[in-house]
Amino acid sequence: VGQMAHASAPWVSRVITTFAGWRPSEALTVSTVACHHTLTELLLFLGTRANESEPMRRMAGVLVSSQDLDDIQRLNFNFVTKTAPETVGATLDGERHPTPLSQSLRAQGRHWALHVLEGPHAWCLSAAYIL
């Protein structure tokens, strides 16, 4: 898009913001999901506006029908209100509400974390043995 993604990057005015904030220490999943959601909202807005006028629809070459936009809106609503809360194990208000899916994902994350930490554990044990 034109903007570099580090804290001291010079400002370039060709950026779509997701309002996810600067998150230097986490994986890009939050930023990616926020960008996807922002672009979905933009698609819904532009598609709805283009479908309001037949001349605008023809001029812009819009191939998205009102039914397509309704489907996207329904999928977007279901993601925000059902799928995301079930996946993260929290309500829309941010209250913890563990679900079988969220508990399974957290257990898998802990399992993978043991593999990631295997190297540092080996270094610590080696250092303890040497000392």
N, C-alpha and C. Protein backbone atom coordinates (compact mmCIF):
# COMPACT_ATOMS: atom_id res chain seq x y z
N VAL A 1 0.83 -1.18 0.00
CA VAL A 1 0.00 0.00 0.00
C VAL A 1 0.88 1.24 0.00
N GLY A 2 2.08 1.14 0.53
CA GLY A 2 2.97 2.27 0.52
C GLY A 2 3.56 2.62 1.87
N GLN A 3 2.96 2.22 2.96
CA GLN A 3 3.46 2.55 4.29
C GLN A 3 4.26 1.37 4.83
N MET A 4 5.47 1.66 5.33
CA MET A 4 6.26 0.62 5.98
C MET A 4 5.70 0.38 7.38
N ALA A 5 5.91 -0.81 7.91
CA ALA A 5 5.23 -1.21 9.14
C ALA A 5 6.13 -1.22 10.37
N HIS A 6 7.02 -0.28 10.51
CA HIS A 6 7.79 -0.20 11.76
C HIS A 6 7.55 1.16 12.41
N ALA A 7 7.82 1.25 13.70
CA ALA A 7 7.44 2.42 14.49
C ALA A 7 8.05 3.72 14.00
N SER A 8 9.28 3.69 13.49
CA SER A 8 9.93 4.93 13.06
C SER A 8 9.79 5.18 11.56
N ALA A 9 8.89 4.45 10.91
CA ALA A 9 8.70 4.62 9.46
C ALA A 9 8.13 5.99 9.16
N PRO A 10 8.62 6.63 8.09
CA PRO A 10 8.04 7.93 7.71
C PRO A 10 6.59 7.76 7.28
N TRP A 11 5.78 8.77 7.57
CA TRP A 11 4.37 8.71 7.23
C TRP A 11 4.17 8.83 5.73
N VAL A 12 3.42 7.92 5.16
CA VAL A 12 3.02 7.97 3.76
C VAL A 12 1.50 8.00 3.75
N SER A 13 0.93 8.91 3.04
CA SER A 13 -0.52 9.10 3.12
C SER A 13 -1.31 8.15 2.24
N ARG A 14 -0.77 7.01 1.92
CA ARG A 14 -1.48 6.03 1.11
C ARG A 14 -1.74 4.77 1.93
N VAL A 15 -2.43 4.91 3.03
CA VAL A 15 -2.63 3.80 3.94
C VAL A 15 -4.10 3.66 4.28
N ILE A 16 -4.57 2.42 4.33
CA ILE A 16 -5.90 2.12 4.86
C ILE A 16 -5.67 1.69 6.30
N THR A 17 -6.27 2.38 7.23
CA THR A 17 -6.09 2.02 8.63
C THR A 17 -7.19 1.08 9.08
N THR A 18 -6.83 0.15 9.95
CA THR A 18 -7.80 -0.78 10.51
C THR A 18 -8.15 -0.42 11.94
N PHE A 19 -7.49 0.60 12.48
CA PHE A 19 -7.66 1.03 13.87
C PHE A 19 -7.32 -0.08 14.86
N ALA A 20 -6.48 -1.03 14.44
CA ALA A 20 -6.04 -2.10 15.33
C ALA A 20 -4.89 -1.63 16.22
N GLY A 21 -4.31 -0.47 15.92
CA GLY A 21 -3.22 0.07 16.72
C GLY A 21 -1.88 -0.55 16.35
N TRP A 22 -0.83 0.02 16.89
CA TRP A 22 0.52 -0.48 16.64
C TRP A 22 0.77 -1.65 17.57
N ARG A 23 1.08 -2.81 17.03
CA ARG A 23 1.26 -4.01 17.82
C ARG A 23 2.59 -4.66 17.43
N PRO A 24 3.70 -4.18 17.98
CA PRO A 24 5.01 -4.67 17.54
C PRO A 24 5.36 -6.07 18.04
N SER A 25 4.70 -6.57 19.07
CA SER A 25 5.14 -7.82 19.66
C SER A 25 4.20 -9.00 19.43
N GLU A 26 3.27 -8.89 18.51
CA GLU A 26 2.38 -10.02 18.28
C GLU A 26 2.39 -10.40 16.81
N ALA A 27 1.91 -11.57 16.55
CA ALA A 27 1.82 -12.01 15.16
C ALA A 27 0.86 -11.11 14.40
N LEU A 28 0.95 -11.14 13.10
CA LEU A 28 0.14 -10.26 12.27
C LEU A 28 -1.31 -10.72 12.14
N THR A 29 -1.72 -11.71 12.88
CA THR A 29 -3.09 -12.20 12.73
C THR A 29 -4.12 -11.15 13.07
N VAL A 30 -3.90 -10.37 14.12
CA VAL A 30 -4.87 -9.34 14.52
C VAL A 30 -4.97 -8.29 13.41
N SER A 31 -3.82 -7.85 12.92
CA SER A 31 -3.82 -6.84 11.85
C SER A 31 -4.46 -7.38 10.58
N THR A 32 -4.21 -8.63 10.27
CA THR A 32 -4.78 -9.24 9.06
C THR A 32 -6.29 -9.33 9.16
N VAL A 33 -6.79 -9.79 10.29
CA VAL A 33 -8.23 -9.90 10.48
C VAL A 33 -8.88 -8.51 10.47
N ALA A 34 -8.24 -7.54 11.12
CA ALA A 34 -8.77 -6.18 11.13
C ALA A 34 -8.81 -5.60 9.72
N CYS A 35 -7.77 -5.86 8.93
CA CYS A 35 -7.74 -5.37 7.54
C CYS A 35 -8.83 -6.05 6.72
N HIS A 36 -9.00 -7.35 6.88
CA HIS A 36 -10.04 -8.08 6.16
C HIS A 36 -11.42 -7.52 6.50
N HIS A 37 -11.65 -7.28 7.78
CA HIS A 37 -12.94 -6.75 8.21
C HIS A 37 -13.17 -5.35 7.64
N THR A 38 -12.14 -4.51 7.68
CA THR A 38 -12.25 -3.15 7.14
C THR A 38 -12.55 -3.18 5.65
N LEU A 39 -11.84 -4.02 4.91
CA LEU A 39 -12.08 -4.10 3.47
C LEU A 39 -13.45 -4.69 3.15
N THR A 40 -13.94 -5.61 3.99
CA THR A 40 -15.30 -6.14 3.81
C THR A 40 -16.32 -5.03 3.99
N GLU A 41 -16.14 -4.22 5.04
CA GLU A 41 -17.05 -3.10 5.26
C GLU A 41 -17.01 -2.11 4.10
N LEU A 42 -15.82 -1.86 3.57
CA LEU A 42 -15.67 -0.96 2.42
C LEU A 42 -16.38 -1.54 1.20
N LEU A 43 -16.22 -2.84 0.96
CA LEU A 43 -16.91 -3.49 -0.16
C LEU A 43 -18.42 -3.37 -0.01
N LEU A 44 -18.92 -3.62 1.18
CA LEU A 44 -20.36 -3.51 1.41
C LEU A 44 -20.87 -2.09 1.17
N PHE A 45 -20.13 -1.11 1.66
CA PHE A 45 -20.55 0.27 1.48
C PHE A 45 -20.54 0.66 0.00
N LEU A 46 -19.43 0.39 -0.69
CA LEU A 46 -19.33 0.78 -2.10
C LEU A 46 -20.30 0.00 -2.97
N GLY A 47 -20.48 -1.28 -2.68
CA GLY A 47 -21.43 -2.09 -3.45
C GLY A 47 -22.86 -1.61 -3.28
N THR A 48 -23.21 -1.26 -2.05
CA THR A 48 -24.56 -0.75 -1.78
C THR A 48 -24.79 0.57 -2.49
N ARG A 49 -23.80 1.47 -2.41
CA ARG A 49 -23.94 2.77 -3.08
C ARG A 49 -24.02 2.60 -4.60
N ALA A 50 -23.23 1.70 -5.16
CA ALA A 50 -23.24 1.50 -6.61
C ALA A 50 -24.56 0.88 -7.07
N ASN A 51 -25.14 0.03 -6.24
CA ASN A 51 -26.40 -0.62 -6.62
C ASN A 51 -27.61 0.29 -6.47
N GLU A 52 -27.45 1.43 -5.82
CA GLU A 52 -28.57 2.36 -5.66
C GLU A 52 -28.96 3.03 -6.97
N SER A 53 -28.03 3.10 -7.90
CA SER A 53 -28.28 3.80 -9.16
C SER A 53 -27.86 2.92 -10.33
N GLU A 54 -28.81 2.64 -11.23
CA GLU A 54 -28.50 1.80 -12.40
C GLU A 54 -27.44 2.44 -13.30
N PRO A 55 -27.49 3.77 -13.57
CA PRO A 55 -26.42 4.37 -14.38
C PRO A 55 -25.05 4.22 -13.73
N MET A 56 -24.99 4.41 -12.41
CA MET A 56 -23.72 4.26 -11.69
C MET A 56 -23.24 2.81 -11.77
N ARG A 57 -24.18 1.90 -11.66
CA ARG A 57 -23.85 0.47 -11.72
C ARG A 57 -23.25 0.12 -13.07
N ARG A 58 -23.85 0.62 -14.15
CA ARG A 58 -23.34 0.34 -15.50
C ARG A 58 -21.99 1.02 -15.71
N MET A 59 -21.89 2.29 -15.28
CA MET A 59 -20.66 3.04 -15.49
C MET A 59 -19.47 2.41 -14.75
N ALA A 60 -19.71 1.95 -13.54
CA ALA A 60 -18.64 1.36 -12.73
C ALA A 60 -18.39 -0.11 -13.07
N GLY A 61 -19.27 -0.71 -13.84
CA GLY A 61 -19.12 -2.12 -14.19
C GLY A 61 -19.32 -3.05 -13.01
N VAL A 62 -20.23 -2.68 -12.12
CA VAL A 62 -20.48 -3.46 -10.91
C VAL A 62 -21.16 -4.77 -11.27
N LEU A 63 -20.56 -5.88 -10.82
CA LEU A 63 -21.12 -7.20 -11.08
C LEU A 63 -21.73 -7.82 -9.83
N VAL A 64 -21.64 -7.09 -8.71
CA VAL A 64 -22.17 -7.59 -7.45
C VAL A 64 -23.64 -7.21 -7.35
N SER A 65 -24.48 -8.23 -7.15
CA SER A 65 -25.91 -7.96 -7.04
C SER A 65 -26.28 -7.64 -5.59
N SER A 66 -27.48 -7.16 -5.41
CA SER A 66 -27.97 -6.88 -4.06
C SER A 66 -28.02 -8.15 -3.22
N GLN A 67 -28.35 -9.27 -3.86
CA GLN A 67 -28.38 -10.54 -3.14
C GLN A 67 -26.97 -10.94 -2.69
N ASP A 68 -25.96 -10.69 -3.55
CA ASP A 68 -24.58 -10.96 -3.16
C ASP A 68 -24.18 -10.12 -1.96
N LEU A 69 -24.55 -8.86 -1.97
CA LEU A 69 -24.24 -7.97 -0.84
C LEU A 69 -24.95 -8.41 0.43
N ASP A 70 -26.19 -8.88 0.30
CA ASP A 70 -26.91 -9.39 1.46
C ASP A 70 -26.21 -10.62 2.04
N ASP A 71 -25.71 -11.49 1.16
CA ASP A 71 -24.98 -12.68 1.61
C ASP A 71 -23.70 -12.29 2.34
N ILE A 72 -22.96 -11.34 1.78
CA ILE A 72 -21.72 -10.89 2.43
C ILE A 72 -22.04 -10.25 3.77
N GLN A 73 -23.09 -9.45 3.83
CA GLN A 73 -23.49 -8.81 5.09
C GLN A 73 -23.86 -9.86 6.14
N ARG A 74 -24.60 -10.89 5.71
CA ARG A 74 -25.00 -11.96 6.63
C ARG A 74 -23.77 -12.71 7.15
N LEU A 75 -22.83 -13.05 6.25
CA LEU A 75 -21.62 -13.74 6.66
C LEU A 75 -20.79 -12.89 7.61
N ASN A 76 -20.68 -11.61 7.30
CA ASN A 76 -19.93 -10.69 8.15
C ASN A 76 -20.56 -10.59 9.53
N PHE A 77 -21.88 -10.46 9.59
CA PHE A 77 -22.60 -10.37 10.86
C PHE A 77 -22.42 -11.65 11.68
N ASN A 78 -22.54 -12.81 11.02
CA ASN A 78 -22.39 -14.08 11.72
C ASN A 78 -20.97 -14.26 12.24
N PHE A 79 -19.99 -13.79 11.47
CA PHE A 79 -18.61 -13.89 11.95
C PHE A 79 -18.42 -13.08 13.22
N VAL A 80 -18.90 -11.84 13.20
CA VAL A 80 -18.69 -10.94 14.33
C VAL A 80 -19.47 -11.39 15.56
N THR A 81 -20.69 -11.86 15.36
CA THR A 81 -21.55 -12.17 16.52
C THR A 81 -21.48 -13.62 16.98
N LYS A 82 -21.05 -14.55 16.12
CA LYS A 82 -21.06 -15.96 16.51
C LYS A 82 -19.69 -16.62 16.42
N THR A 83 -19.06 -16.57 15.25
CA THR A 83 -17.82 -17.31 15.03
C THR A 83 -16.66 -16.75 15.84
N ALA A 84 -16.44 -15.45 15.79
CA ALA A 84 -15.31 -14.87 16.53
C ALA A 84 -15.44 -15.07 18.04
N PRO A 85 -16.60 -14.79 18.65
CA PRO A 85 -16.70 -15.04 20.09
C PRO A 85 -16.48 -16.51 20.47
N GLU A 86 -16.96 -17.42 19.63
CA GLU A 86 -16.76 -18.84 19.92
C GLU A 86 -15.29 -19.21 19.81
N THR A 87 -14.60 -18.63 18.84
CA THR A 87 -13.19 -18.95 18.62
C THR A 87 -12.31 -18.41 19.74
N VAL A 88 -12.55 -17.17 20.18
CA VAL A 88 -11.70 -16.57 21.21
C VAL A 88 -12.18 -16.87 22.63
N GLY A 89 -13.39 -17.34 22.78
CA GLY A 89 -13.90 -17.68 24.11
C GLY A 89 -14.26 -16.47 24.93
N ALA A 90 -14.88 -15.48 24.29
CA ALA A 90 -15.31 -14.28 25.00
C ALA A 90 -16.60 -13.77 24.37
N THR A 91 -17.39 -13.06 25.16
CA THR A 91 -18.61 -12.47 24.63
C THR A 91 -18.28 -11.21 23.86
N LEU A 92 -19.28 -10.62 23.22
CA LEU A 92 -19.06 -9.37 22.48
C LEU A 92 -18.66 -8.23 23.42
N ASP A 93 -19.00 -8.35 24.70
CA ASP A 93 -18.63 -7.34 25.70
C ASP A 93 -17.24 -7.56 26.27
N GLY A 94 -16.57 -8.64 25.85
CA GLY A 94 -15.22 -8.92 26.33
C GLY A 94 -15.15 -9.81 27.55
N GLU A 95 -16.30 -10.28 28.03
CA GLU A 95 -16.31 -11.16 29.19
C GLU A 95 -15.88 -12.57 28.76
N ARG A 96 -15.05 -13.20 29.58
CA ARG A 96 -14.59 -14.55 29.26
C ARG A 96 -15.76 -15.53 29.29
N HIS A 97 -15.84 -16.32 28.25
CA HIS A 97 -16.87 -17.36 28.15
C HIS A 97 -16.26 -18.51 27.36
N PRO A 98 -15.44 -19.34 28.03
CA PRO A 98 -14.73 -20.41 27.31
C PRO A 98 -15.71 -21.34 26.59
N THR A 99 -15.34 -21.70 25.38
CA THR A 99 -16.11 -22.65 24.58
C THR A 99 -15.22 -23.85 24.30
N PRO A 100 -15.78 -24.97 23.90
CA PRO A 100 -14.94 -26.13 23.56
C PRO A 100 -13.90 -25.78 22.49
N LEU A 101 -14.28 -24.97 21.50
CA LEU A 101 -13.33 -24.60 20.45
C LEU A 101 -12.20 -23.74 21.01
N SER A 102 -12.53 -22.72 21.81
CA SER A 102 -11.48 -21.85 22.35
C SER A 102 -10.55 -22.63 23.29
N GLN A 103 -11.11 -23.53 24.09
CA GLN A 103 -10.28 -24.34 24.98
C GLN A 103 -9.36 -25.27 24.20
N SER A 104 -9.88 -25.83 23.11
CA SER A 104 -9.07 -26.70 22.26
C SER A 104 -7.93 -25.92 21.60
N LEU A 105 -8.23 -24.72 21.12
CA LEU A 105 -7.20 -23.89 20.49
C LEU A 105 -6.13 -23.48 21.51
N ARG A 106 -6.54 -23.13 22.72
CA ARG A 106 -5.56 -22.77 23.75
C ARG A 106 -4.69 -23.97 24.13
N ALA A 107 -5.28 -25.15 24.23
CA ALA A 107 -4.50 -26.35 24.54
C ALA A 107 -3.49 -26.63 23.43
N GLN A 108 -3.91 -26.49 22.18
CA GLN A 108 -3.00 -26.69 21.06
C GLN A 108 -1.88 -25.65 21.09
N GLY A 109 -2.21 -24.41 21.44
CA GLY A 109 -1.20 -23.35 21.55
C GLY A 109 -0.17 -23.66 22.63
N ARG A 110 -0.64 -24.16 23.78
CA ARG A 110 0.30 -24.54 24.84
C ARG A 110 1.20 -25.69 24.39
N HIS A 111 0.65 -26.63 23.65
CA HIS A 111 1.42 -27.77 23.14
C HIS A 111 2.50 -27.27 22.17
N TRP A 112 2.13 -26.38 21.25
CA TRP A 112 3.11 -25.83 20.30
C TRP A 112 4.15 -24.98 21.02
N ALA A 113 3.75 -24.29 22.08
CA ALA A 113 4.69 -23.45 22.83
C ALA A 113 5.81 -24.29 23.44
N LEU A 114 5.49 -25.51 23.86
CA LEU A 114 6.53 -26.40 24.39
C LEU A 114 7.58 -26.70 23.33
N HIS A 115 7.16 -26.86 22.08
CA HIS A 115 8.12 -27.12 21.00
C HIS A 115 8.97 -25.88 20.74
N VAL A 116 8.35 -24.70 20.79
CA VAL A 116 9.09 -23.46 20.55
C VAL A 116 10.11 -23.24 21.66
N LEU A 117 9.76 -23.59 22.89
CA LEU A 117 10.64 -23.36 24.03
C LEU A 117 11.62 -24.50 24.28
N GLU A 118 11.61 -25.51 23.45
CA GLU A 118 12.51 -26.65 23.66
C GLU A 118 13.97 -26.23 23.61
N GLY A 119 14.32 -25.36 22.65
CA GLY A 119 15.70 -24.89 22.53
C GLY A 119 16.17 -24.13 23.77
N PRO A 120 15.42 -23.09 24.19
CA PRO A 120 15.84 -22.37 25.41
C PRO A 120 15.89 -23.27 26.65
N HIS A 121 14.97 -24.22 26.76
CA HIS A 121 15.02 -25.15 27.90
C HIS A 121 16.32 -25.94 27.87
N ALA A 122 16.72 -26.40 26.68
CA ALA A 122 17.96 -27.18 26.54
C ALA A 122 19.17 -26.31 26.90
N TRP A 123 19.16 -25.03 26.49
CA TRP A 123 20.28 -24.14 26.83
C TRP A 123 20.38 -23.95 28.34
N CYS A 124 19.24 -23.73 28.99
CA CYS A 124 19.24 -23.52 30.44
C CYS A 124 19.73 -24.76 31.18
N LEU A 125 19.28 -25.93 30.76
CA LEU A 125 19.72 -27.16 31.40
C LEU A 125 21.21 -27.39 31.17
N SER A 126 21.69 -27.07 29.96
CA SER A 126 23.12 -27.21 29.67
C SER A 126 23.93 -26.26 30.55
N ALA A 127 23.46 -25.00 30.67
CA ALA A 127 24.17 -24.03 31.51
C ALA A 127 24.16 -24.46 32.96
N ALA A 128 23.04 -24.99 33.45
CA ALA A 128 22.96 -25.45 34.83
C ALA A 128 23.91 -26.64 35.06
N TYR A 129 24.04 -27.50 34.08
CA TYR A 129 24.92 -28.66 34.18
C TYR A 129 26.38 -28.20 34.25
N ILE A 130 26.73 -27.22 33.37
CA ILE A 130 28.10 -26.73 33.33
C ILE A 130 28.47 -26.00 34.61
N LEU A 131 27.56 -25.20 35.12
CA LEU A 131 27.84 -24.44 36.33
C LEU A 131 27.87 -25.35 37.53
